[in-house]
């Protein structure tokens, strides 16, 4: 097992990784920008290294600075968390080339699944159902029109690289196709440096269902159930729950087994998440995330496993300590992403935390690096906390979540706590009757 791990991230996920390492007897190295000198993960780590200025390009996205920090601190492995360089195949390769262990999948698998066309082809070969669409990048307007005529409108024009809803346009009619392609291509080039596009059928009211996978280097693969991530705004997840209220136990196990078998076929190692759209009883593969997900705690709450710990064990060459038959799912869990944003318009709201009190009690977990007096910086993502609640069933979980949100105090800046309080009180959400565009309809109703 590793003696020292460098955490190549910040905020709540850096603190999450630090805690897992501490419980395994592993020393940690925290990297930080000058803006994060007083961050909680920096305060608690065994060693710290300042790697650059506040802007991510000079610090958390600076591969050379991170590798230098690993070298001077004598770290053996690097955990990338999520975001930043976590799905950068070149960075993963550099880590390995410099003699460190990358705590994640191989650079080859990161590269494969980072290209949506290649990922789609790999999914088909592995036996996963895919959304009808183009077989490869769409090179011309004429080709796009031919594909559109074949699969019908509405359709989705998507960037082959990246994610987070960037480089993505919904097209309702042939008259809008050219403009949508131009907009998507420009956005993709600016966001990912890659303007390639592909086209797929647009599903009107799908659920976003994802399967958590864990695989070792010895050919053992398990799935840890599904998560429902359908509550989204502009393709950004805001609330996640496990298991999905849209699936029964049989359908959940079936798609989980299919995802695990596909993962085994491609020879994947580490944690990973296979994402599907689900509509009218059918699943369609959309992508695979080759990293730890923001929403991994809901899976941990229902299966009692520490995914960060298992990632580290797998990276160290250890086999999985359990089989699929030994995994037990218990109860229901819901996660609310709490952002430093105005709950009315979602504009970023950086500032100093004047007062902080986290909720507690049975079945309540808070993943956050906040404390009273902490300065929420404008340089990074607005996610400041994750409130995760577990109950014996979904109704108990909802009641506990309502209580926990009411207890949560973050003063000095705007947060999305009021937004979550509203959402979980909506009848559709209480009944589990929502889809990927339910929030959009909710906001449209307000106008």
Protein backbone atom coordinates (compact mmCIF):
# COMPACT_ATOMS: atom_id res chain seq x y z
CA UNK A 1 0.00 0.00 0.00
CA UNK A 2 1.07 3.60 -0.61
CA UNK A 3 2.71 5.53 2.22
CA UNK A 4 2.02 9.00 0.79
CA UNK A 5 -0.58 10.30 -1.69
CA UNK A 6 -0.68 13.74 -3.30
CA UNK A 7 -4.21 15.11 -3.72
CA UNK A 8 -4.40 17.03 -7.00
CA UNK A 9 -7.57 18.94 -6.21
CA UNK A 10 -9.20 21.34 -3.78
CA UNK A 11 -12.39 21.91 -1.78
CA UNK A 12 -14.67 19.21 -0.47
CA UNK A 13 -13.30 16.45 -2.70
CA UNK A 14 -9.72 17.10 -1.56
CA UNK A 15 -10.90 16.85 2.04
CA UNK A 16 -12.86 13.69 1.19
CA UNK A 17 -9.74 12.02 -0.24
CA UNK A 18 -7.63 13.17 2.72
CA UNK A 19 -10.03 11.54 5.17
CA UNK A 20 -10.00 8.23 3.30
CA UNK A 21 -6.19 8.25 3.25
CA UNK A 22 -5.99 9.04 6.97
CA UNK A 23 -8.22 6.08 7.78
CA UNK A 24 -5.92 3.85 5.71
CA UNK A 25 -2.78 5.11 7.45
CA UNK A 26 -1.60 6.97 4.34
CA UNK A 27 0.03 10.40 4.64
CA UNK A 28 -1.32 13.17 2.40
CA UNK A 29 0.17 16.04 0.44
CA UNK A 30 -2.18 18.94 -0.28
CA UNK A 31 -1.44 21.20 -3.21
CA UNK A 32 -3.02 24.63 -3.25
CA UNK A 33 -3.14 27.95 -5.03
CA UNK A 34 -2.38 31.18 -3.20
CA UNK A 35 -6.16 31.73 -2.90
CA UNK A 36 -6.53 28.42 -1.02
CA UNK A 37 -3.77 28.87 1.54
CA UNK A 38 -6.34 28.74 4.37
CA UNK A 39 -8.46 25.93 2.90
CA UNK A 40 -9.48 23.08 5.19
CA UNK A 41 -7.72 20.38 3.16
CA UNK A 42 -4.52 22.43 3.43
CA UNK A 43 -4.92 22.82 7.19
CA UNK A 44 -5.41 19.09 7.75
CA UNK A 45 -2.93 17.52 5.30
CA UNK A 46 0.39 16.12 6.51
CA UNK A 47 2.28 18.27 3.99
CA UNK A 48 1.35 21.18 1.73
CA UNK A 49 2.80 22.67 -1.43
CA UNK A 50 1.73 25.97 -2.99
CA UNK A 51 1.74 25.44 -6.75
CA UNK A 52 0.65 28.77 -8.20
CA UNK A 53 -1.72 31.73 -8.42
CA UNK A 54 -5.52 31.62 -7.99
CA UNK A 55 -6.37 31.08 -11.67
CA UNK A 56 -6.68 27.30 -12.30
CA UNK A 57 -4.47 27.47 -15.41
CA UNK A 58 -1.53 28.44 -13.21
CA UNK A 59 -2.26 26.02 -10.38
CA UNK A 60 -4.76 23.14 -10.40
CA UNK A 61 -4.48 22.73 -14.18
CA UNK A 62 -0.71 23.11 -14.18
CA UNK A 63 0.49 19.53 -14.68
CA UNK A 64 4.18 20.37 -14.37
CA UNK A 65 3.67 22.15 -11.06
CA UNK A 66 1.67 19.22 -9.69
CA UNK A 67 4.32 16.70 -10.74
CA UNK A 68 7.01 18.87 -9.20
CA UNK A 69 5.05 18.97 -5.94
CA UNK A 70 4.80 15.17 -6.00
CA UNK A 71 8.54 14.87 -6.58
CA UNK A 72 9.67 17.22 -3.81
CA UNK A 73 7.25 15.67 -1.32
CA UNK A 74 8.22 12.09 -2.24
CA UNK A 75 4.61 11.12 -2.89
CA UNK A 76 4.07 7.73 -4.47
CA UNK A 77 0.66 8.28 -6.02
CA UNK A 78 -1.60 11.10 -7.19
CA UNK A 79 -5.37 11.18 -6.72
CA UNK A 80 -7.03 13.66 -9.13
CA UNK A 81 -10.51 13.79 -7.53
CA UNK A 82 -13.05 15.11 -10.02
CA UNK A 83 -12.87 18.07 -12.39
CA UNK A 84 -9.59 19.79 -13.24
CA UNK A 85 -7.20 17.09 -14.60
CA UNK A 86 -9.17 14.03 -13.47
CA UNK A 87 -10.17 13.02 -17.01
CA UNK A 88 -7.11 14.32 -18.80
CA UNK A 89 -5.45 11.31 -20.45
CA UNK A 90 -2.23 13.22 -21.11
CA UNK A 91 -1.93 14.11 -17.44
CA UNK A 92 -2.56 10.51 -16.37
CA UNK A 93 0.15 9.37 -18.78
CA UNK A 94 2.58 12.01 -17.46
CA UNK A 95 1.96 10.84 -13.90
CA UNK A 96 2.86 7.27 -14.84
CA UNK A 97 5.84 8.32 -16.98
CA UNK A 98 7.31 10.22 -14.04
CA UNK A 99 7.16 7.15 -11.82
CA UNK A 100 4.02 7.93 -9.82
CA UNK A 101 0.82 5.91 -9.67
CA UNK A 102 -2.29 7.56 -11.08
CA UNK A 103 -5.22 6.68 -8.82
CA UNK A 104 -7.73 6.14 -11.57
CA UNK A 105 -8.12 4.28 -14.85
CA UNK A 106 -5.45 3.91 -17.52
CA UNK A 107 -4.71 6.84 -19.85
CA UNK A 108 -5.97 4.68 -22.72
CA UNK A 109 -9.40 4.25 -21.17
CA UNK A 110 -9.64 7.92 -20.21
CA UNK A 111 -8.82 8.82 -23.82
CA UNK A 112 -11.26 6.26 -25.23
CA UNK A 113 -14.20 7.40 -23.14
CA UNK A 114 -13.32 11.08 -23.47
CA UNK A 115 -14.12 10.89 -27.18
CA UNK A 116 -17.89 10.43 -27.43
CA UNK A 117 -17.70 8.83 -30.87
CA UNK A 118 -15.09 6.30 -29.77
CA UNK A 119 -17.01 5.69 -26.54
CA UNK A 120 -20.20 5.04 -28.50
CA UNK A 121 -18.41 2.53 -30.73
CA UNK A 122 -16.87 0.81 -27.70
CA UNK A 123 -20.26 0.64 -25.99
CA UNK A 124 -21.84 -0.97 -29.05
CA UNK A 125 -19.07 -3.57 -29.23
CA UNK A 126 -19.50 -4.27 -25.53
CA UNK A 127 -23.22 -4.89 -25.95
CA UNK A 128 -24.70 -1.66 -24.62
CA UNK A 129 -27.74 -0.04 -26.31
CA UNK A 130 -27.06 3.45 -27.73
CA UNK A 131 -29.19 6.39 -28.79
CA UNK A 132 -29.87 6.35 -32.57
CA UNK A 133 -27.54 8.79 -34.31
CA UNK A 134 -24.45 9.27 -36.45
CA UNK A 135 -21.85 6.52 -36.47
CA UNK A 136 -18.98 9.02 -36.34
CA UNK A 137 -18.21 12.75 -36.50
CA UNK A 138 -20.46 14.71 -38.84
CA UNK A 139 -18.19 16.33 -41.40
CA UNK A 140 -20.62 18.40 -43.46
CA UNK A 141 -24.01 20.05 -43.46
CA UNK A 142 -25.20 17.64 -46.17
CA UNK A 143 -24.25 14.63 -44.05
CA UNK A 144 -26.03 16.16 -41.06
CA UNK A 145 -29.22 16.68 -43.08
CA UNK A 146 -29.14 13.07 -44.30
CA UNK A 147 -28.78 11.75 -40.74
CA UNK A 148 -31.52 14.07 -39.52
CA UNK A 149 -33.86 12.79 -42.21
CA UNK A 150 -33.12 9.21 -41.17
CA UNK A 151 -33.58 9.56 -37.37
CA UNK A 152 -36.09 12.44 -37.40
CA UNK A 153 -36.52 15.59 -35.33
CA UNK A 154 -36.03 16.70 -32.65
CA UNK A 155 -32.34 15.83 -32.51
CA UNK A 156 -29.26 16.80 -30.55
CA UNK A 157 -26.04 18.22 -31.99
CA UNK A 158 -23.21 17.41 -29.56
CA UNK A 159 -19.46 17.97 -29.28
CA UNK A 160 -17.45 14.75 -29.44
CA UNK A 161 -15.23 16.00 -26.60
CA UNK A 162 -15.98 17.48 -23.20
CA UNK A 163 -19.24 17.57 -21.30
CA UNK A 164 -21.29 19.66 -18.90
CA UNK A 165 -23.73 20.68 -21.62
CA UNK A 166 -21.18 22.74 -23.56
CA UNK A 167 -21.13 22.27 -27.33
CA UNK A 168 -24.68 20.93 -27.27
CA UNK A 169 -27.72 22.20 -29.19
CA UNK A 170 -31.29 20.91 -29.49
CA UNK A 171 -32.66 21.14 -33.03
CA UNK A 172 -36.44 21.02 -33.65
CA UNK A 173 -36.57 21.55 -37.42
CA UNK A 174 -34.34 21.28 -40.48
CA UNK A 175 -34.37 25.09 -40.78
CA UNK A 176 -32.42 25.40 -37.51
CA UNK A 177 -29.85 22.66 -38.17
CA UNK A 178 -27.11 24.76 -39.77
CA UNK A 179 -27.22 27.48 -37.12
CA UNK A 180 -27.22 24.90 -34.31
CA UNK A 181 -24.15 23.19 -35.76
CA UNK A 182 -22.30 26.48 -36.05
CA UNK A 183 -23.10 27.46 -32.46
CA UNK A 184 -22.18 24.02 -31.08
CA UNK A 185 -18.93 23.92 -33.05
CA UNK A 186 -17.82 27.37 -31.85
CA UNK A 187 -18.64 26.53 -28.25
CA UNK A 188 -16.83 23.18 -28.47
CA UNK A 189 -13.73 24.80 -29.95
CA UNK A 190 -13.65 27.41 -27.20
CA UNK A 191 -14.33 24.94 -24.38
CA UNK A 192 -12.39 21.87 -25.49
CA UNK A 193 -10.18 22.91 -28.40
CA UNK A 194 -12.05 20.37 -30.54
CA UNK A 195 -14.91 21.41 -32.81
CA UNK A 196 -15.96 17.93 -33.98
CA UNK A 197 -19.67 17.21 -33.70
CA UNK A 198 -22.02 14.26 -33.89
CA UNK A 199 -25.79 13.91 -34.00
CA UNK A 200 -28.18 11.76 -32.01
CA UNK A 201 -31.93 11.43 -31.49
CA UNK A 202 -33.32 13.82 -28.89
CA UNK A 203 -35.42 12.06 -26.27
CA UNK A 204 -38.25 14.31 -25.06
CA UNK A 205 -38.59 13.32 -21.38
CA UNK A 206 -35.87 10.83 -20.40
CA UNK A 207 -34.48 9.99 -17.00
CA UNK A 208 -30.73 10.24 -16.45
CA UNK A 209 -29.71 6.92 -14.93
CA UNK A 210 -26.09 6.05 -14.17
CA UNK A 211 -24.46 2.85 -12.96
CA UNK A 212 -21.52 2.96 -10.55
CA UNK A 213 -18.79 0.52 -11.55
CA UNK A 214 -15.77 -0.71 -9.61
CA UNK A 215 -13.12 -2.86 -11.33
CA UNK A 216 -9.67 -4.11 -10.34
CA UNK A 217 -6.63 -5.11 -12.40
CA UNK A 218 -7.37 -8.81 -11.90
CA UNK A 219 -10.51 -8.98 -14.04
CA UNK A 220 -13.01 -8.53 -11.20
CA UNK A 221 -15.86 -6.09 -11.88
CA UNK A 222 -18.91 -5.21 -9.79
CA UNK A 223 -21.67 -2.66 -10.10
CA UNK A 224 -22.88 -0.73 -7.06
CA UNK A 225 -26.39 0.00 -8.25
CA UNK A 226 -27.90 2.93 -10.07
CA UNK A 227 -28.24 6.62 -9.34
CA UNK A 228 -30.96 8.87 -10.71
CA UNK A 229 -29.44 12.21 -11.76
CA UNK A 230 -32.39 13.59 -13.71
CA UNK A 231 -32.78 16.80 -11.72
CA UNK A 232 -30.63 19.07 -13.86
CA UNK A 233 -30.41 22.69 -14.91
CA UNK A 234 -28.60 23.41 -18.17
CA UNK A 235 -27.20 19.87 -18.09
CA UNK A 236 -25.73 20.42 -14.62
CA UNK A 237 -26.85 17.93 -11.96
CA UNK A 238 -28.34 19.46 -8.82
CA UNK A 239 -29.97 16.56 -6.96
CA UNK A 240 -29.16 12.85 -7.16
CA UNK A 241 -30.72 9.83 -5.52
CA UNK A 242 -30.22 6.09 -5.23
CA UNK A 243 -31.94 3.89 -6.08
CA UNK A 244 -33.98 5.51 -8.86
CA UNK A 245 -37.70 5.91 -8.14
CA UNK A 246 -38.28 5.23 -11.86
CA UNK A 247 -36.89 1.67 -11.77
CA UNK A 248 -37.94 -1.47 -10.02
CA UNK A 249 -35.41 -3.84 -8.47
CA UNK A 250 -35.42 -6.20 -11.45
CA UNK A 251 -34.72 -3.51 -14.09
CA UNK A 252 -32.07 -1.91 -11.86
CA UNK A 253 -30.20 -5.18 -11.43
CA UNK A 254 -30.49 -5.96 -15.14
CA UNK A 255 -28.93 -2.71 -16.36
CA UNK A 256 -26.32 -2.92 -13.59
CA UNK A 257 -25.25 -6.39 -14.68
CA UNK A 258 -25.15 -5.26 -18.33
CA UNK A 259 -22.94 -2.27 -17.43
CA UNK A 260 -20.60 -4.44 -15.35
CA UNK A 261 -20.23 -6.97 -18.16
CA UNK A 262 -19.48 -4.20 -20.67
CA UNK A 263 -16.85 -2.76 -18.33
CA UNK A 264 -15.21 -6.16 -18.08
CA UNK A 265 -15.15 -6.54 -21.86
CA UNK A 266 -13.21 -3.33 -22.37
CA UNK A 267 -10.70 -4.22 -19.62
CA UNK A 268 -11.40 -1.14 -17.50
CA UNK A 269 -9.78 -0.61 -14.07
CA UNK A 270 -10.78 1.68 -11.16
CA UNK A 271 -14.12 3.39 -10.45
CA UNK A 272 -16.21 4.49 -13.38
CA UNK A 273 -19.76 5.51 -14.13
CA UNK A 274 -21.74 4.40 -17.16
CA UNK A 275 -24.50 6.87 -17.93
CA UNK A 276 -27.77 6.13 -19.69
CA UNK A 277 -30.89 7.91 -20.79
CA UNK A 278 -34.01 5.95 -19.83
CA UNK A 279 -37.36 6.44 -21.53
CA UNK A 280 -40.39 4.19 -22.07
CA UNK A 281 -38.66 1.23 -20.48
CA UNK A 282 -35.52 1.45 -22.65
CA UNK A 283 -31.93 2.34 -21.72
CA UNK A 284 -29.56 4.19 -24.07
CA UNK A 285 -25.83 4.58 -23.35
CA UNK A 286 -24.64 8.20 -23.54
CA UNK A 287 -21.16 8.24 -21.96
CA UNK A 288 -18.77 6.80 -19.38
CA UNK A 289 -17.16 9.00 -16.76
CA UNK A 290 -13.67 7.75 -15.98
CA UNK A 291 -13.34 9.28 -12.52
CA UNK A 292 -14.96 9.60 -9.15
CA UNK A 293 -18.36 11.31 -9.50
CA UNK A 294 -19.52 14.28 -7.44
CA UNK A 295 -22.56 12.19 -6.46
CA UNK A 296 -20.64 9.10 -5.31
CA UNK A 297 -21.81 9.54 -1.66
CA UNK A 298 -25.38 8.42 -2.42
CA UNK A 299 -23.98 5.09 -3.62
CA UNK A 300 -21.77 4.82 -0.53
CA UNK A 301 -24.78 5.43 1.70
CA UNK A 302 -26.86 2.58 0.26
CA UNK A 303 -24.09 -0.01 -0.08
CA UNK A 304 -21.85 0.85 2.88
CA UNK A 305 -18.62 1.05 0.86
CA UNK A 306 -15.94 3.73 0.72
CA UNK A 307 -15.34 4.32 -3.00
CA UNK A 308 -12.22 6.45 -2.48
CA UNK A 309 -10.70 3.72 -0.34
CA UNK A 310 -11.49 1.13 -3.01
CA UNK A 311 -9.97 3.36 -5.71
CA UNK A 312 -6.74 3.56 -3.76
CA UNK A 313 -6.67 -0.18 -3.10
CA UNK A 314 -7.21 -0.96 -6.80
CA UNK A 315 -4.48 1.51 -7.83
CA UNK A 316 -2.12 -0.26 -5.44
CA UNK A 317 -2.80 -3.53 -7.26
CA UNK A 318 -5.11 -5.10 -4.69
CA UNK A 319 -8.03 -7.27 -5.85
CA UNK A 320 -11.58 -6.35 -4.90
CA UNK A 321 -12.34 -7.76 -1.44
CA UNK A 322 -15.91 -8.71 -2.35
CA UNK A 323 -17.98 -10.20 -5.16
CA UNK A 324 -21.22 -8.97 -6.68
CA UNK A 325 -23.23 -11.42 -4.57
CA UNK A 326 -21.74 -10.01 -1.37
CA UNK A 327 -22.88 -6.42 -2.05
CA UNK A 328 -26.06 -5.48 -0.20
CA UNK A 329 -28.17 -2.39 -0.93
CA UNK A 330 -30.02 -0.85 1.98
CA UNK A 331 -32.53 1.98 2.05
CA UNK A 332 -32.57 5.19 0.05
CA UNK A 333 -30.19 8.16 -0.25
CA UNK A 334 -30.52 11.66 -1.73
CA UNK A 335 -27.80 14.24 -2.33
CA UNK A 336 -28.33 17.98 -2.71
CA UNK A 337 -25.49 19.95 -4.29
CA UNK A 338 -25.25 23.23 -2.43
CA UNK A 339 -23.68 25.99 -4.48
CA UNK A 340 -22.60 29.53 -3.63
CA UNK A 341 -25.21 30.95 -5.98
CA UNK A 342 -28.27 33.16 -5.77
CA UNK A 343 -31.18 30.67 -5.55
CA UNK A 344 -33.38 32.92 -7.69
CA UNK A 345 -31.12 33.24 -10.75
CA UNK A 346 -28.13 30.94 -10.03
CA UNK A 347 -25.59 33.73 -10.34
CA UNK A 348 -22.33 33.00 -8.48
CA UNK A 349 -22.17 34.45 -4.99
CA UNK A 350 -18.60 34.31 -3.68
CA UNK A 351 -17.82 35.85 -0.32
CA UNK A 352 -16.80 35.22 3.27
CA UNK A 353 -18.74 32.72 5.37
CA UNK A 354 -19.96 34.71 8.38
CA UNK A 355 -21.56 31.81 10.24
CA UNK A 356 -21.61 28.08 9.57
CA UNK A 357 -23.59 25.25 11.13
CA UNK A 358 -23.92 21.86 9.45
CA UNK A 359 -26.94 19.65 10.11
CA UNK A 360 -26.48 16.33 11.90
CA UNK A 361 -28.34 13.37 13.29
CA UNK A 362 -28.95 9.83 12.16
CA UNK A 363 -28.44 9.28 8.43
CA UNK A 364 -27.16 12.80 7.70
CA UNK A 365 -23.79 13.37 6.00
CA UNK A 366 -22.23 16.66 4.92
CA UNK A 367 -19.26 16.71 2.54
CA UNK A 368 -17.90 20.26 2.70
CA UNK A 369 -14.70 22.15 3.38
CA UNK A 370 -16.47 25.25 4.71
CA UNK A 371 -15.97 26.87 8.11
CA UNK A 372 -16.90 30.21 9.65
CA UNK A 373 -14.56 32.86 8.27
CA UNK A 374 -13.70 30.90 5.12
CA UNK A 375 -13.52 32.94 1.92
CA UNK A 376 -15.41 31.35 -0.98
CA UNK A 377 -13.31 32.30 -3.97
CA UNK A 378 -14.67 33.53 -7.32
CA UNK A 379 -11.96 31.59 -9.17
CA UNK A 380 -13.45 28.11 -8.88
CA UNK A 381 -16.63 26.09 -9.23
CA UNK A 382 -19.47 27.31 -7.02
CA UNK A 383 -20.08 23.91 -5.35
CA UNK A 384 -19.40 24.44 -1.63
CA UNK A 385 -21.15 21.51 0.03
CA UNK A 386 -23.02 18.27 -0.54
CA UNK A 387 -25.81 17.30 1.83
CA UNK A 388 -26.45 13.56 1.69
CA UNK A 389 -29.27 11.93 3.62
CA UNK A 390 -30.09 8.23 4.05
CA UNK A 391 -33.29 6.60 5.22
CA UNK A 392 -34.85 3.15 5.42
CA UNK A 393 -37.06 4.12 2.46
CA UNK A 394 -37.59 7.11 0.18
CA UNK A 395 -40.29 8.69 2.32
CA UNK A 396 -38.14 8.57 5.45
CA UNK A 397 -35.24 9.94 3.43
CA UNK A 398 -37.34 12.89 2.20
CA UNK A 399 -38.53 13.75 5.70
CA UNK A 400 -34.96 13.62 6.99
CA UNK A 401 -33.72 15.75 4.09
CA UNK A 402 -36.38 18.38 4.78
CA UNK A 403 -35.27 18.54 8.41
CA UNK A 404 -31.56 18.69 7.52
CA UNK A 405 -31.99 21.50 4.99
CA UNK A 406 -33.85 23.48 7.62
CA UNK A 407 -30.93 23.09 10.03
CA UNK A 408 -28.20 24.05 7.57
CA UNK A 409 -26.78 27.54 8.19
CA UNK A 410 -24.36 29.22 5.76
CA UNK A 411 -24.45 32.97 6.34
CA UNK A 412 -22.53 35.73 4.55
CA UNK A 413 -23.33 34.72 0.98
CA UNK A 414 -26.19 33.37 -1.10
CA UNK A 415 -26.57 29.59 -1.40
CA UNK A 416 -28.96 27.25 -3.17
CA UNK A 417 -30.39 25.82 0.08
CA UNK A 418 -33.74 27.64 -0.48
CA UNK A 419 -33.88 26.19 -4.01
CA UNK A 420 -33.51 22.66 -2.64
CA UNK A 421 -36.15 23.30 0.01
CA UNK A 422 -38.57 24.29 -2.70
CA UNK A 423 -37.75 21.38 -5.02
CA UNK A 424 -38.20 18.62 -2.43
CA UNK A 425 -41.59 20.10 -1.53
CA UNK A 426 -42.92 19.84 -5.09
CA UNK A 427 -45.52 17.09 -5.57
CA UNK A 428 -43.79 15.69 -8.66
CA UNK A 429 -40.53 15.26 -6.79
CA UNK A 430 -42.22 13.74 -3.75
CA UNK A 431 -43.86 11.21 -6.08
CA UNK A 432 -40.61 10.59 -7.97
CA UNK A 433 -42.26 11.75 -11.19
CA UNK A 434 -39.64 13.94 -12.82
CA UNK A 435 -37.29 13.81 -15.81
CA UNK A 436 -34.28 15.64 -17.26
CA UNK A 437 -36.33 18.68 -18.20
CA UNK A 438 -38.66 18.85 -15.21
CA UNK A 439 -36.72 21.75 -13.66
CA UNK A 440 -36.93 23.74 -16.89
CA UNK A 441 -40.71 23.36 -16.85
CA UNK A 442 -40.77 24.38 -13.18
CA UNK A 443 -38.88 27.61 -13.94
CA UNK A 444 -41.05 28.27 -16.99
CA UNK A 445 -44.09 28.04 -14.72
CA UNK A 446 -42.65 30.81 -12.54
CA UNK A 447 -42.30 33.26 -15.41
